[in-house]
N, C-alpha and C. Protein backbone atom coordinates (compact mmCIF):
# COMPACT_ATOMS: atom_id res chain seq x y z
N MET A 1 -53.86 -10.63 162.11
CA MET A 1 -54.19 -10.14 163.42
C MET A 1 -53.84 -8.69 163.58
N PHE A 2 -52.79 -8.22 162.89
CA PHE A 2 -52.40 -6.84 163.07
C PHE A 2 -52.63 -5.99 161.84
N ALA A 3 -53.25 -6.52 160.77
CA ALA A 3 -53.53 -5.71 159.59
C ALA A 3 -54.76 -4.87 159.87
N THR A 4 -54.81 -3.66 159.32
CA THR A 4 -55.88 -2.72 159.67
C THR A 4 -57.25 -3.25 159.33
N ARG A 5 -58.18 -3.05 160.21
CA ARG A 5 -59.58 -3.41 159.96
C ARG A 5 -60.43 -2.16 160.19
N ALA A 6 -61.76 -2.25 160.01
CA ALA A 6 -62.58 -1.06 160.10
C ALA A 6 -63.67 -1.05 161.17
N ALA A 7 -64.93 -0.63 160.90
CA ALA A 7 -65.89 -0.22 161.92
C ALA A 7 -67.08 -1.13 162.27
N PRO A 8 -68.37 -0.60 162.41
CA PRO A 8 -69.37 -1.29 163.20
C PRO A 8 -70.15 -2.45 162.62
N ALA A 9 -70.96 -3.08 163.50
CA ALA A 9 -71.77 -4.22 163.11
C ALA A 9 -73.09 -4.27 163.87
N VAL A 10 -73.74 -5.43 163.86
CA VAL A 10 -75.02 -5.56 164.52
C VAL A 10 -74.92 -6.58 165.63
N ARG A 11 -75.71 -6.49 166.68
CA ARG A 11 -75.63 -7.46 167.75
C ARG A 11 -76.39 -8.72 167.36
N ALA A 12 -76.02 -9.85 167.98
CA ALA A 12 -76.74 -11.08 167.73
C ALA A 12 -76.54 -12.03 168.89
N SER A 13 -77.54 -12.87 169.17
CA SER A 13 -77.36 -13.80 170.26
C SER A 13 -77.80 -15.21 169.90
N ARG A 14 -78.58 -15.37 168.82
CA ARG A 14 -79.02 -16.71 168.49
C ARG A 14 -77.89 -17.52 167.88
N MET A 15 -78.00 -18.84 168.02
CA MET A 15 -76.98 -19.70 167.43
C MET A 15 -77.24 -19.78 165.94
N PRO A 16 -76.21 -19.84 165.11
CA PRO A 16 -76.33 -19.84 163.67
C PRO A 16 -76.60 -21.20 163.09
N LEU A 17 -76.66 -21.26 161.77
CA LEU A 17 -76.76 -22.54 161.12
C LEU A 17 -75.55 -23.36 161.47
N ALA A 18 -75.74 -24.64 161.48
CA ALA A 18 -74.75 -25.61 161.90
C ALA A 18 -73.33 -25.15 161.86
N VAL A 19 -72.84 -24.73 163.00
CA VAL A 19 -71.46 -24.25 163.09
C VAL A 19 -70.60 -25.46 162.95
N VAL A 20 -70.02 -25.65 161.94
CA VAL A 20 -69.08 -26.71 161.69
C VAL A 20 -68.48 -27.39 162.83
N ALA A 21 -68.94 -28.42 163.04
CA ALA A 21 -68.23 -29.16 164.05
C ALA A 21 -67.13 -29.80 163.26
N ALA A 22 -66.96 -29.38 162.05
CA ALA A 22 -65.97 -29.96 161.18
C ALA A 22 -64.75 -30.41 161.91
N THR A 23 -64.34 -31.57 161.57
CA THR A 23 -63.16 -32.13 162.21
C THR A 23 -61.98 -31.21 162.04
N ALA A 24 -61.21 -31.03 163.08
CA ALA A 24 -60.02 -30.19 162.98
C ALA A 24 -59.10 -30.81 161.96
N VAL A 25 -58.79 -30.04 160.93
CA VAL A 25 -58.00 -30.57 159.83
C VAL A 25 -56.56 -30.11 159.96
N ALA A 26 -55.64 -30.96 159.68
CA ALA A 26 -54.23 -30.57 159.77
C ALA A 26 -53.92 -29.52 158.74
N GLY A 27 -53.30 -28.43 159.17
CA GLY A 27 -53.00 -27.33 158.26
C GLY A 27 -52.09 -27.73 157.14
N ALA A 28 -51.22 -28.69 157.36
CA ALA A 28 -50.26 -29.06 156.32
C ALA A 28 -50.95 -29.53 155.07
N SER A 29 -52.03 -30.32 155.22
CA SER A 29 -52.71 -30.82 154.04
C SER A 29 -53.40 -29.70 153.30
N LEU A 30 -53.89 -28.69 154.04
CA LEU A 30 -54.53 -27.55 153.40
C LEU A 30 -53.52 -26.73 152.63
N TYR A 31 -52.33 -26.62 153.19
CA TYR A 31 -51.32 -25.78 152.59
C TYR A 31 -50.92 -26.28 151.22
N THR A 32 -51.07 -27.60 151.00
CA THR A 32 -50.68 -28.14 149.70
C THR A 32 -51.62 -27.72 148.59
N GLN A 33 -52.79 -27.18 148.95
CA GLN A 33 -53.70 -26.71 147.91
C GLN A 33 -53.18 -25.40 147.35
N PRO A 34 -53.05 -25.28 146.04
CA PRO A 34 -52.47 -24.08 145.45
C PRO A 34 -53.33 -22.85 145.67
N SER A 35 -52.69 -21.72 145.97
CA SER A 35 -53.41 -20.46 146.07
C SER A 35 -53.87 -20.04 144.68
N VAL A 36 -55.03 -19.41 144.62
CA VAL A 36 -55.52 -18.89 143.34
C VAL A 36 -55.32 -17.39 143.38
N HIS A 37 -54.35 -16.88 142.66
CA HIS A 37 -54.02 -15.47 142.71
C HIS A 37 -54.77 -14.68 141.63
N LEU A 38 -54.94 -13.41 141.90
CA LEU A 38 -55.71 -12.54 141.03
C LEU A 38 -55.24 -12.59 139.59
N ASP A 39 -53.91 -12.50 139.37
CA ASP A 39 -53.40 -12.44 138.01
C ASP A 39 -53.51 -13.79 137.29
N GLN A 40 -53.80 -14.87 138.03
CA GLN A 40 -53.92 -16.19 137.42
C GLN A 40 -55.36 -16.51 137.05
N ALA A 41 -56.32 -15.79 137.68
CA ALA A 41 -57.70 -16.23 137.54
C ALA A 41 -58.66 -15.18 137.02
N VAL A 42 -58.17 -14.05 136.58
CA VAL A 42 -59.06 -12.99 136.11
C VAL A 42 -59.84 -13.44 134.88
N ASN A 43 -61.14 -13.18 134.90
CA ASN A 43 -61.98 -13.48 133.76
C ASN A 43 -61.73 -12.40 132.70
N THR A 44 -61.20 -12.80 131.58
CA THR A 44 -60.81 -11.82 130.55
C THR A 44 -61.86 -11.64 129.46
N ALA A 45 -63.07 -12.10 129.71
CA ALA A 45 -64.11 -11.98 128.68
C ALA A 45 -64.69 -10.58 128.66
N GLY A 46 -64.18 -9.74 127.77
CA GLY A 46 -64.73 -8.41 127.61
C GLY A 46 -64.04 -7.34 128.43
N ALA A 47 -64.34 -6.08 128.10
CA ALA A 47 -63.69 -4.95 128.75
C ALA A 47 -64.04 -4.84 130.22
N ASP A 48 -65.22 -5.34 130.59
CA ASP A 48 -65.65 -5.22 131.99
C ASP A 48 -64.83 -6.09 132.92
N ALA A 49 -64.04 -7.02 132.37
CA ALA A 49 -63.26 -7.93 133.19
C ALA A 49 -62.23 -7.20 134.04
N VAL A 50 -61.71 -6.08 133.55
CA VAL A 50 -60.71 -5.34 134.30
C VAL A 50 -61.31 -4.77 135.57
N SER A 51 -62.52 -4.20 135.46
CA SER A 51 -63.17 -3.61 136.62
C SER A 51 -63.87 -4.65 137.49
N ARG A 52 -64.22 -5.80 136.89
CA ARG A 52 -64.90 -6.84 137.64
C ARG A 52 -64.22 -8.20 137.45
N PRO A 53 -63.05 -8.38 138.03
CA PRO A 53 -62.34 -9.65 137.88
C PRO A 53 -63.08 -10.78 138.58
N THR A 54 -62.90 -12.00 138.10
CA THR A 54 -63.51 -13.18 138.70
C THR A 54 -62.43 -14.16 139.11
N THR A 55 -62.44 -14.56 140.37
CA THR A 55 -61.48 -15.54 140.89
C THR A 55 -62.23 -16.48 141.82
N ILE A 56 -61.50 -17.24 142.63
CA ILE A 56 -62.14 -18.07 143.65
C ILE A 56 -62.88 -17.20 144.66
N ALA A 57 -62.58 -15.89 144.67
CA ALA A 57 -63.27 -14.94 145.54
C ALA A 57 -64.52 -14.37 144.86
N GLY A 58 -65.02 -15.06 143.83
CA GLY A 58 -66.22 -14.61 143.13
C GLY A 58 -65.95 -13.51 142.14
N THR A 59 -66.96 -12.73 141.83
CA THR A 59 -66.83 -11.62 140.90
C THR A 59 -66.91 -10.32 141.69
N PHE A 60 -65.85 -9.54 141.59
CA PHE A 60 -65.72 -8.31 142.36
C PHE A 60 -66.90 -7.37 142.14
N THR A 61 -67.40 -6.79 143.22
CA THR A 61 -68.50 -5.80 143.24
C THR A 61 -69.87 -6.36 142.83
N THR A 62 -70.03 -7.67 142.83
CA THR A 62 -71.32 -8.28 142.52
C THR A 62 -71.79 -9.09 143.73
N PRO A 63 -73.03 -9.59 143.72
CA PRO A 63 -73.49 -10.43 144.83
C PRO A 63 -72.71 -11.73 144.98
N SER A 64 -71.87 -12.09 144.00
CA SER A 64 -71.07 -13.31 144.12
C SER A 64 -69.71 -13.06 144.77
N GLU A 65 -69.43 -11.81 145.13
CA GLU A 65 -68.15 -11.48 145.78
C GLU A 65 -68.01 -12.27 147.09
N ARG A 66 -66.79 -12.73 147.37
CA ARG A 66 -66.54 -13.54 148.58
C ARG A 66 -65.39 -12.98 149.40
N SER A 67 -65.48 -13.18 150.70
CA SER A 67 -64.41 -12.77 151.61
C SER A 67 -64.03 -13.93 152.52
N PHE A 68 -62.75 -13.98 152.89
CA PHE A 68 -62.28 -14.98 153.86
C PHE A 68 -62.34 -14.37 155.25
N ILE A 69 -63.04 -15.04 156.15
CA ILE A 69 -63.16 -14.61 157.53
C ILE A 69 -62.66 -15.74 158.42
N MET A 70 -61.82 -15.41 159.39
CA MET A 70 -61.29 -16.44 160.29
C MET A 70 -61.49 -16.01 161.74
N ILE A 71 -62.13 -16.87 162.53
CA ILE A 71 -62.21 -16.64 163.97
C ILE A 71 -60.96 -17.25 164.58
N LYS A 72 -60.19 -16.42 165.25
CA LYS A 72 -58.88 -16.82 165.76
C LYS A 72 -59.01 -17.64 167.05
N PRO A 73 -57.89 -18.20 167.53
CA PRO A 73 -57.95 -19.06 168.72
C PRO A 73 -58.63 -18.42 169.94
N ASP A 74 -58.42 -17.10 170.14
CA ASP A 74 -59.05 -16.48 171.32
C ASP A 74 -60.57 -16.43 171.18
N GLY A 75 -61.05 -16.21 169.96
CA GLY A 75 -62.50 -16.21 169.73
C GLY A 75 -63.10 -17.59 169.96
N VAL A 76 -62.37 -18.63 169.54
CA VAL A 76 -62.84 -20.01 169.75
C VAL A 76 -62.80 -20.35 171.24
N ASN A 77 -61.70 -19.99 171.91
CA ASN A 77 -61.56 -20.27 173.35
C ASN A 77 -62.66 -19.59 174.17
N ARG A 78 -63.07 -18.42 173.72
CA ARG A 78 -64.09 -17.68 174.46
C ARG A 78 -65.51 -18.12 174.12
N GLN A 79 -65.63 -19.06 173.19
CA GLN A 79 -66.91 -19.68 172.82
C GLN A 79 -67.94 -18.65 172.33
N ILE A 80 -67.46 -17.77 171.44
CA ILE A 80 -68.36 -16.78 170.84
C ILE A 80 -68.47 -16.99 169.32
N VAL A 81 -68.11 -18.18 168.87
CA VAL A 81 -68.18 -18.49 167.44
C VAL A 81 -69.60 -18.28 166.90
N GLY A 82 -70.59 -18.80 167.61
CA GLY A 82 -71.97 -18.67 167.16
C GLY A 82 -72.43 -17.23 167.04
N LYS A 83 -72.04 -16.40 168.02
CA LYS A 83 -72.43 -14.99 167.99
C LYS A 83 -71.82 -14.27 166.79
N ILE A 84 -70.57 -14.60 166.48
CA ILE A 84 -69.90 -13.95 165.35
C ILE A 84 -70.56 -14.38 164.03
N ILE A 85 -70.82 -15.66 163.88
CA ILE A 85 -71.45 -16.14 162.65
C ILE A 85 -72.84 -15.53 162.48
N SER A 86 -73.58 -15.40 163.57
CA SER A 86 -74.92 -14.82 163.50
C SER A 86 -74.91 -13.40 162.95
N ARG A 87 -73.87 -12.64 163.22
CA ARG A 87 -73.81 -11.26 162.72
C ARG A 87 -73.78 -11.23 161.20
N PHE A 88 -72.99 -12.13 160.62
CA PHE A 88 -72.91 -12.17 159.15
C PHE A 88 -74.21 -12.71 158.55
N GLU A 89 -74.79 -13.71 159.20
CA GLU A 89 -76.07 -14.25 158.72
C GLU A 89 -77.17 -13.19 158.77
N GLU A 90 -77.25 -12.50 159.89
CA GLU A 90 -78.33 -11.53 160.06
C GLU A 90 -78.14 -10.31 159.17
N ARG A 91 -76.91 -10.01 158.79
CA ARG A 91 -76.68 -8.91 157.85
C ARG A 91 -77.21 -9.28 156.46
N GLY A 92 -77.26 -10.58 156.17
CA GLY A 92 -77.78 -11.04 154.88
C GLY A 92 -76.76 -11.75 154.03
N TYR A 93 -75.54 -11.95 154.56
CA TYR A 93 -74.51 -12.63 153.78
C TYR A 93 -74.67 -14.14 153.84
N LYS A 94 -74.13 -14.80 152.83
CA LYS A 94 -74.30 -16.25 152.66
C LYS A 94 -73.02 -16.99 153.01
N LEU A 95 -73.13 -17.96 153.92
CA LEU A 95 -71.99 -18.80 154.30
C LEU A 95 -71.82 -19.90 153.27
N VAL A 96 -70.69 -19.89 152.53
CA VAL A 96 -70.50 -20.88 151.47
C VAL A 96 -69.39 -21.89 151.78
N ALA A 97 -68.61 -21.66 152.85
CA ALA A 97 -67.60 -22.63 153.26
C ALA A 97 -67.22 -22.36 154.71
N ILE A 98 -67.01 -23.44 155.47
CA ILE A 98 -66.63 -23.29 156.88
C ILE A 98 -65.99 -24.59 157.37
N LYS A 99 -64.96 -24.46 158.18
CA LYS A 99 -64.36 -25.64 158.81
C LYS A 99 -63.48 -25.22 159.99
N SER A 100 -63.30 -26.17 160.89
CA SER A 100 -62.41 -25.99 162.04
C SER A 100 -61.04 -26.54 161.64
N VAL A 101 -60.01 -25.73 161.84
CA VAL A 101 -58.68 -26.10 161.36
C VAL A 101 -57.62 -25.88 162.45
N LEU A 102 -56.73 -26.83 162.60
CA LEU A 102 -55.53 -26.64 163.41
C LEU A 102 -54.41 -26.24 162.44
N PRO A 103 -54.10 -24.96 162.32
CA PRO A 103 -53.14 -24.53 161.30
C PRO A 103 -51.73 -25.05 161.59
N SER A 104 -51.03 -25.45 160.55
CA SER A 104 -49.61 -25.78 160.67
C SER A 104 -48.82 -24.47 160.68
N THR A 105 -47.57 -24.54 161.11
CA THR A 105 -46.72 -23.35 161.08
C THR A 105 -46.57 -22.85 159.65
N GLU A 106 -46.45 -23.78 158.71
CA GLU A 106 -46.28 -23.42 157.31
C GLU A 106 -47.50 -22.66 156.78
N LEU A 107 -48.70 -23.15 157.12
CA LEU A 107 -49.93 -22.50 156.68
C LEU A 107 -50.06 -21.11 157.31
N ALA A 108 -49.76 -21.01 158.60
CA ALA A 108 -49.87 -19.71 159.29
C ALA A 108 -48.89 -18.70 158.70
N ARG A 109 -47.67 -19.14 158.40
CA ARG A 109 -46.67 -18.24 157.82
C ARG A 109 -47.08 -17.76 156.44
N GLU A 110 -47.65 -18.64 155.65
CA GLU A 110 -48.10 -18.23 154.31
C GLU A 110 -49.27 -17.26 154.40
N HIS A 111 -50.19 -17.54 155.31
CA HIS A 111 -51.35 -16.66 155.46
C HIS A 111 -50.93 -15.24 155.83
N TYR A 112 -49.99 -15.12 156.76
CA TYR A 112 -49.53 -13.81 157.22
C TYR A 112 -48.19 -13.40 156.61
N SER A 113 -47.92 -13.86 155.41
CA SER A 113 -46.61 -13.59 154.78
C SER A 113 -46.34 -12.10 154.60
N ASP A 114 -47.39 -11.30 154.48
CA ASP A 114 -47.19 -9.86 154.30
C ASP A 114 -46.69 -9.18 155.58
N LEU A 115 -46.75 -9.91 156.70
CA LEU A 115 -46.28 -9.36 157.97
C LEU A 115 -44.96 -9.97 158.42
N ALA A 116 -44.31 -10.72 157.53
CA ALA A 116 -43.11 -11.47 157.90
C ALA A 116 -41.98 -10.60 158.43
N SER A 117 -41.91 -9.35 158.01
CA SER A 117 -40.82 -8.48 158.45
C SER A 117 -41.13 -7.76 159.77
N LYS A 118 -42.32 -7.93 160.30
CA LYS A 118 -42.72 -7.25 161.53
C LYS A 118 -42.12 -7.93 162.75
N PRO A 119 -41.80 -7.16 163.79
CA PRO A 119 -41.18 -7.74 164.99
C PRO A 119 -42.10 -8.72 165.72
N PHE A 120 -43.41 -8.59 165.54
CA PHE A 120 -44.35 -9.46 166.23
C PHE A 120 -44.68 -10.73 165.44
N PHE A 121 -44.07 -10.92 164.27
CA PHE A 121 -44.43 -12.03 163.40
C PHE A 121 -44.28 -13.38 164.10
N GLY A 122 -43.19 -13.59 164.79
CA GLY A 122 -42.95 -14.87 165.46
C GLY A 122 -44.00 -15.20 166.50
N SER A 123 -44.36 -14.21 167.33
CA SER A 123 -45.37 -14.45 168.35
C SER A 123 -46.75 -14.63 167.74
N LEU A 124 -46.99 -13.96 166.62
CA LEU A 124 -48.26 -14.12 165.90
C LEU A 124 -48.43 -15.56 165.41
N ILE A 125 -47.37 -16.11 164.82
CA ILE A 125 -47.42 -17.49 164.31
C ILE A 125 -47.57 -18.48 165.47
N LYS A 126 -46.84 -18.23 166.55
CA LYS A 126 -46.93 -19.11 167.73
C LYS A 126 -48.35 -19.13 168.28
N TYR A 127 -48.96 -17.96 168.31
CA TYR A 127 -50.34 -17.84 168.81
C TYR A 127 -51.33 -18.57 167.91
N LEU A 128 -51.19 -18.40 166.59
CA LEU A 128 -52.13 -19.02 165.65
C LEU A 128 -52.01 -20.54 165.65
N THR A 129 -50.84 -21.06 166.00
CA THR A 129 -50.61 -22.51 165.98
C THR A 129 -50.51 -23.07 167.39
N SER A 130 -51.16 -22.43 168.34
CA SER A 130 -51.04 -22.79 169.76
C SER A 130 -51.75 -24.09 170.14
N GLY A 131 -52.59 -24.63 169.26
CA GLY A 131 -53.29 -25.87 169.56
C GLY A 131 -54.80 -25.72 169.60
N THR A 132 -55.28 -24.50 169.74
CA THR A 132 -56.72 -24.23 169.64
C THR A 132 -57.05 -24.03 168.17
N PRO A 133 -58.10 -24.66 167.65
CA PRO A 133 -58.41 -24.50 166.23
C PRO A 133 -58.88 -23.10 165.91
N VAL A 134 -58.81 -22.75 164.64
CA VAL A 134 -59.44 -21.53 164.13
C VAL A 134 -60.65 -21.97 163.32
N ILE A 135 -61.59 -21.06 163.13
CA ILE A 135 -62.74 -21.34 162.29
C ILE A 135 -62.57 -20.55 160.99
N ALA A 136 -62.27 -21.27 159.92
CA ALA A 136 -62.06 -20.65 158.61
C ALA A 136 -63.38 -20.63 157.85
N MET A 137 -63.72 -19.48 157.28
CA MET A 137 -65.02 -19.33 156.61
C MET A 137 -64.90 -18.53 155.32
N VAL A 138 -65.83 -18.77 154.43
CA VAL A 138 -65.99 -17.93 153.23
C VAL A 138 -67.43 -17.43 153.22
N TRP A 139 -67.57 -16.10 153.17
CA TRP A 139 -68.89 -15.47 153.12
C TRP A 139 -69.07 -14.80 151.76
N GLU A 140 -70.29 -14.82 151.26
CA GLU A 140 -70.56 -14.32 149.92
C GLU A 140 -71.69 -13.29 149.96
N GLY A 141 -71.56 -12.27 149.10
CA GLY A 141 -72.62 -11.28 148.97
C GLY A 141 -72.08 -9.94 148.51
N LYS A 142 -72.96 -9.03 148.20
CA LYS A 142 -72.59 -7.73 147.67
C LYS A 142 -71.71 -6.95 148.64
N ASP A 143 -70.52 -6.53 148.17
CA ASP A 143 -69.60 -5.69 148.95
C ASP A 143 -69.15 -6.36 150.24
N VAL A 144 -69.14 -7.70 150.27
CA VAL A 144 -68.86 -8.43 151.50
C VAL A 144 -67.44 -8.20 152.03
N ILE A 145 -66.49 -7.91 151.14
CA ILE A 145 -65.12 -7.69 151.61
C ILE A 145 -65.04 -6.41 152.44
N ARG A 146 -65.54 -5.32 151.89
CA ARG A 146 -65.48 -4.04 152.61
C ARG A 146 -66.40 -4.05 153.82
N GLN A 147 -67.61 -4.57 153.65
CA GLN A 147 -68.56 -4.58 154.76
C GLN A 147 -68.11 -5.54 155.86
N GLY A 148 -67.46 -6.65 155.47
CA GLY A 148 -66.93 -7.57 156.47
C GLY A 148 -65.92 -6.90 157.37
N ARG A 149 -65.06 -6.07 156.77
CA ARG A 149 -64.07 -5.33 157.55
C ARG A 149 -64.74 -4.30 158.46
N ASN A 150 -65.79 -3.66 157.97
CA ASN A 150 -66.54 -2.72 158.80
C ASN A 150 -67.16 -3.43 160.00
N MET A 151 -67.69 -4.62 159.77
CA MET A 151 -68.31 -5.39 160.84
C MET A 151 -67.29 -5.86 161.86
N VAL A 152 -66.10 -6.19 161.40
CA VAL A 152 -65.02 -6.66 162.29
C VAL A 152 -64.52 -5.52 163.18
N GLY A 153 -64.31 -4.34 162.61
CA GLY A 153 -63.83 -3.21 163.39
C GLY A 153 -62.32 -3.02 163.29
N ALA A 154 -61.81 -1.94 163.88
CA ALA A 154 -60.40 -1.58 163.79
C ALA A 154 -59.50 -2.67 164.39
N THR A 155 -58.27 -2.77 163.86
CA THR A 155 -57.31 -3.77 164.33
C THR A 155 -57.10 -3.69 165.83
N ASN A 156 -56.93 -2.48 166.33
CA ASN A 156 -56.80 -2.27 167.77
C ASN A 156 -58.22 -2.13 168.35
N PRO A 157 -58.66 -3.10 169.13
CA PRO A 157 -60.03 -3.06 169.66
C PRO A 157 -60.35 -1.79 170.45
N LEU A 158 -59.33 -1.14 171.01
CA LEU A 158 -59.57 0.09 171.76
C LEU A 158 -59.98 1.23 170.83
N GLN A 159 -59.75 1.05 169.52
CA GLN A 159 -60.16 2.05 168.54
C GLN A 159 -61.38 1.59 167.75
N ALA A 160 -61.85 0.38 168.02
CA ALA A 160 -63.00 -0.16 167.29
C ALA A 160 -64.30 0.40 167.86
N LEU A 161 -65.21 0.75 166.98
CA LEU A 161 -66.48 1.34 167.42
C LEU A 161 -67.37 0.31 168.09
N PRO A 162 -68.13 0.72 169.10
CA PRO A 162 -69.14 -0.17 169.69
C PRO A 162 -70.08 -0.64 168.58
N GLY A 163 -70.44 -1.90 168.62
CA GLY A 163 -71.29 -2.45 167.57
C GLY A 163 -70.50 -3.30 166.60
N SER A 164 -69.19 -3.03 166.47
CA SER A 164 -68.34 -3.90 165.67
C SER A 164 -67.97 -5.12 166.52
N ILE A 165 -67.50 -6.17 165.89
CA ILE A 165 -67.15 -7.39 166.62
C ILE A 165 -66.04 -7.12 167.63
N ARG A 166 -64.97 -6.46 167.17
CA ARG A 166 -63.88 -6.15 168.10
C ARG A 166 -64.29 -5.10 169.12
N GLY A 167 -65.12 -4.16 168.71
CA GLY A 167 -65.58 -3.12 169.63
C GLY A 167 -66.43 -3.69 170.75
N ASP A 168 -67.10 -4.81 170.50
CA ASP A 168 -67.97 -5.43 171.50
C ASP A 168 -67.28 -6.52 172.32
N TYR A 169 -66.27 -7.18 171.71
CA TYR A 169 -65.74 -8.38 172.37
C TYR A 169 -64.25 -8.36 172.69
N ALA A 170 -63.52 -7.33 172.33
CA ALA A 170 -62.06 -7.38 172.53
C ALA A 170 -61.52 -6.08 173.10
N VAL A 171 -60.36 -6.16 173.77
CA VAL A 171 -59.70 -4.97 174.29
C VAL A 171 -58.21 -4.93 173.95
N SER A 172 -57.65 -6.05 173.50
CA SER A 172 -56.21 -6.11 173.23
C SER A 172 -55.93 -6.39 171.75
N VAL A 173 -54.98 -5.65 171.17
CA VAL A 173 -54.64 -5.85 169.77
C VAL A 173 -54.05 -7.24 169.53
N GLY A 174 -53.44 -7.81 170.57
CA GLY A 174 -52.85 -9.15 170.44
C GLY A 174 -53.88 -10.26 170.50
N ARG A 175 -55.09 -9.95 170.93
CA ARG A 175 -56.17 -10.93 171.01
C ARG A 175 -57.44 -10.25 170.48
N ASN A 176 -57.43 -10.04 169.18
CA ASN A 176 -58.54 -9.28 168.58
C ASN A 176 -59.54 -10.15 167.83
N ILE A 177 -59.56 -11.44 168.15
CA ILE A 177 -60.66 -12.37 167.84
C ILE A 177 -60.81 -12.85 166.41
N ILE A 178 -60.59 -11.98 165.43
CA ILE A 178 -61.05 -12.31 164.08
C ILE A 178 -60.17 -11.69 163.01
N HIS A 179 -60.12 -12.35 161.86
CA HIS A 179 -59.40 -11.84 160.68
C HIS A 179 -60.41 -11.72 159.54
N ALA A 180 -60.26 -10.66 158.72
CA ALA A 180 -61.09 -10.51 157.53
C ALA A 180 -60.21 -10.04 156.37
N SER A 181 -60.45 -10.56 155.19
CA SER A 181 -59.70 -10.14 154.00
C SER A 181 -59.78 -8.62 153.84
N ASP A 182 -58.67 -7.99 153.42
CA ASP A 182 -58.66 -6.53 153.31
C ASP A 182 -58.81 -6.03 151.88
N GLY A 183 -59.06 -6.92 150.94
CA GLY A 183 -59.25 -6.51 149.55
C GLY A 183 -59.53 -7.73 148.69
N PHE A 184 -59.87 -7.49 147.43
CA PHE A 184 -60.23 -8.61 146.56
C PHE A 184 -59.04 -9.53 146.29
N GLU A 185 -57.86 -8.95 146.14
CA GLU A 185 -56.68 -9.78 145.88
C GLU A 185 -56.33 -10.63 147.10
N SER A 186 -56.42 -10.05 148.29
CA SER A 186 -56.11 -10.84 149.49
C SER A 186 -57.19 -11.90 149.72
N ALA A 187 -58.44 -11.59 149.40
CA ALA A 187 -59.50 -12.59 149.52
C ALA A 187 -59.24 -13.76 148.58
N THR A 188 -58.78 -13.46 147.38
CA THR A 188 -58.44 -14.51 146.42
C THR A 188 -57.32 -15.40 146.95
N LYS A 189 -56.28 -14.78 147.47
CA LYS A 189 -55.16 -15.55 148.02
C LYS A 189 -55.60 -16.40 149.22
N GLU A 190 -56.33 -15.78 150.15
CA GLU A 190 -56.67 -16.45 151.40
C GLU A 190 -57.69 -17.56 151.21
N ILE A 191 -58.69 -17.34 150.38
CA ILE A 191 -59.66 -18.41 150.12
C ILE A 191 -58.97 -19.58 149.43
N GLY A 192 -58.11 -19.26 148.46
CA GLY A 192 -57.40 -20.32 147.74
C GLY A 192 -56.41 -21.07 148.62
N LEU A 193 -55.92 -20.42 149.67
CA LEU A 193 -54.97 -21.05 150.59
C LEU A 193 -55.66 -22.01 151.56
N TRP A 194 -56.82 -21.63 152.04
CA TRP A 194 -57.50 -22.40 153.07
C TRP A 194 -58.55 -23.37 152.53
N PHE A 195 -59.03 -23.14 151.29
CA PHE A 195 -60.09 -23.99 150.75
C PHE A 195 -59.80 -24.40 149.32
N GLY A 196 -60.24 -25.61 148.98
CA GLY A 196 -60.25 -26.03 147.59
C GLY A 196 -61.58 -25.59 146.98
N GLU A 197 -61.64 -25.46 145.67
CA GLU A 197 -62.87 -24.99 145.02
C GLU A 197 -64.06 -25.91 145.31
N LYS A 198 -63.80 -27.21 145.46
CA LYS A 198 -64.89 -28.15 145.70
C LYS A 198 -65.47 -28.02 147.11
N GLU A 199 -64.77 -27.30 147.97
CA GLU A 199 -65.27 -27.11 149.34
C GLU A 199 -66.21 -25.91 149.44
N ILE A 200 -66.33 -25.14 148.37
CA ILE A 200 -67.15 -23.93 148.39
C ILE A 200 -68.52 -24.23 147.76
N ALA A 201 -69.56 -24.06 148.54
CA ALA A 201 -70.91 -24.42 148.10
C ALA A 201 -71.52 -23.37 147.18
N SER A 202 -72.40 -23.82 146.32
CA SER A 202 -73.16 -22.92 145.46
C SER A 202 -74.64 -23.20 145.69
N TYR A 203 -75.33 -22.24 146.28
CA TYR A 203 -76.76 -22.42 146.57
C TYR A 203 -77.40 -21.04 146.71
N THR A 204 -78.72 -21.00 146.70
CA THR A 204 -79.44 -19.73 146.81
C THR A 204 -80.38 -19.77 148.01
N PRO A 205 -80.08 -19.00 149.06
CA PRO A 205 -80.98 -18.94 150.21
C PRO A 205 -82.36 -18.41 149.79
N ALA A 206 -83.38 -18.77 150.53
CA ALA A 206 -84.75 -18.40 150.17
C ALA A 206 -84.92 -16.89 150.03
N ALA A 207 -84.27 -16.10 150.88
CA ALA A 207 -84.47 -14.65 150.86
C ALA A 207 -83.39 -13.90 150.09
N TRP A 208 -82.54 -14.62 149.35
CA TRP A 208 -81.38 -14.01 148.70
C TRP A 208 -81.75 -12.84 147.79
N ASP A 209 -82.76 -13.03 146.94
CA ASP A 209 -83.16 -11.97 146.02
C ASP A 209 -83.69 -10.75 146.75
N GLN A 210 -84.35 -10.96 147.87
CA GLN A 210 -84.87 -9.84 148.65
C GLN A 210 -83.73 -9.06 149.31
N VAL A 211 -82.67 -9.76 149.71
CA VAL A 211 -81.54 -9.10 150.38
C VAL A 211 -80.65 -8.37 149.38
N MET A 212 -80.43 -8.96 148.21
CA MET A 212 -79.44 -8.45 147.27
C MET A 212 -80.01 -7.56 146.17
N ALA A 213 -81.33 -7.44 146.07
CA ALA A 213 -81.94 -6.67 144.99
C ALA A 213 -81.58 -5.19 145.07
N ASP A 214 -81.44 -4.54 143.90
CA ASP A 214 -81.16 -3.12 143.84
C ASP A 214 -82.40 -2.26 143.62
N ASN A 215 -83.53 -2.91 143.38
CA ASN A 215 -84.76 -2.12 143.16
C ASN A 215 -85.96 -2.84 143.76
């Protein structure tokens, strides 16, 4: 919630593909799934592996790259889940995993472990585990980690550009609607924490080649 995010996005109003009515899952059971860390999962086949590691977050800098995106309790309470999902769909990214989750305290603490020393850590965990579910998602596509952060906007919504999700829907840093992975290593950790590999779909949308082609 308080880690830096970036800039703009596109507007959307249509409802997206089946927004998981997924049953709210207890965070404790999710937490038992082992995280897949970068140093444990790098594809070491050839020299290119260093520049293009492969983990549960896909292959870095390719169309298979994946990012973890989470709509926080305030975004769910405000009933703008469909609008947020539509932005990623309309940009051309592929939704490969989604579910509604009631995070346990343990899961929330592990997810935000890098902020454990911050004075707001306790209130952040209390907020994330307040009883309203979060929508955990994995999106796939070229440069999705960096572009996802651009679409989300700055951590402080008052600094987020109009057109970004936070720039359009939020005004308070304490209720900034959404979380997005800030790098390939964090995407690897976060996807592995919230999802098992069998929960991540592999499919090719009809327009995928048209969206991802370089020529």
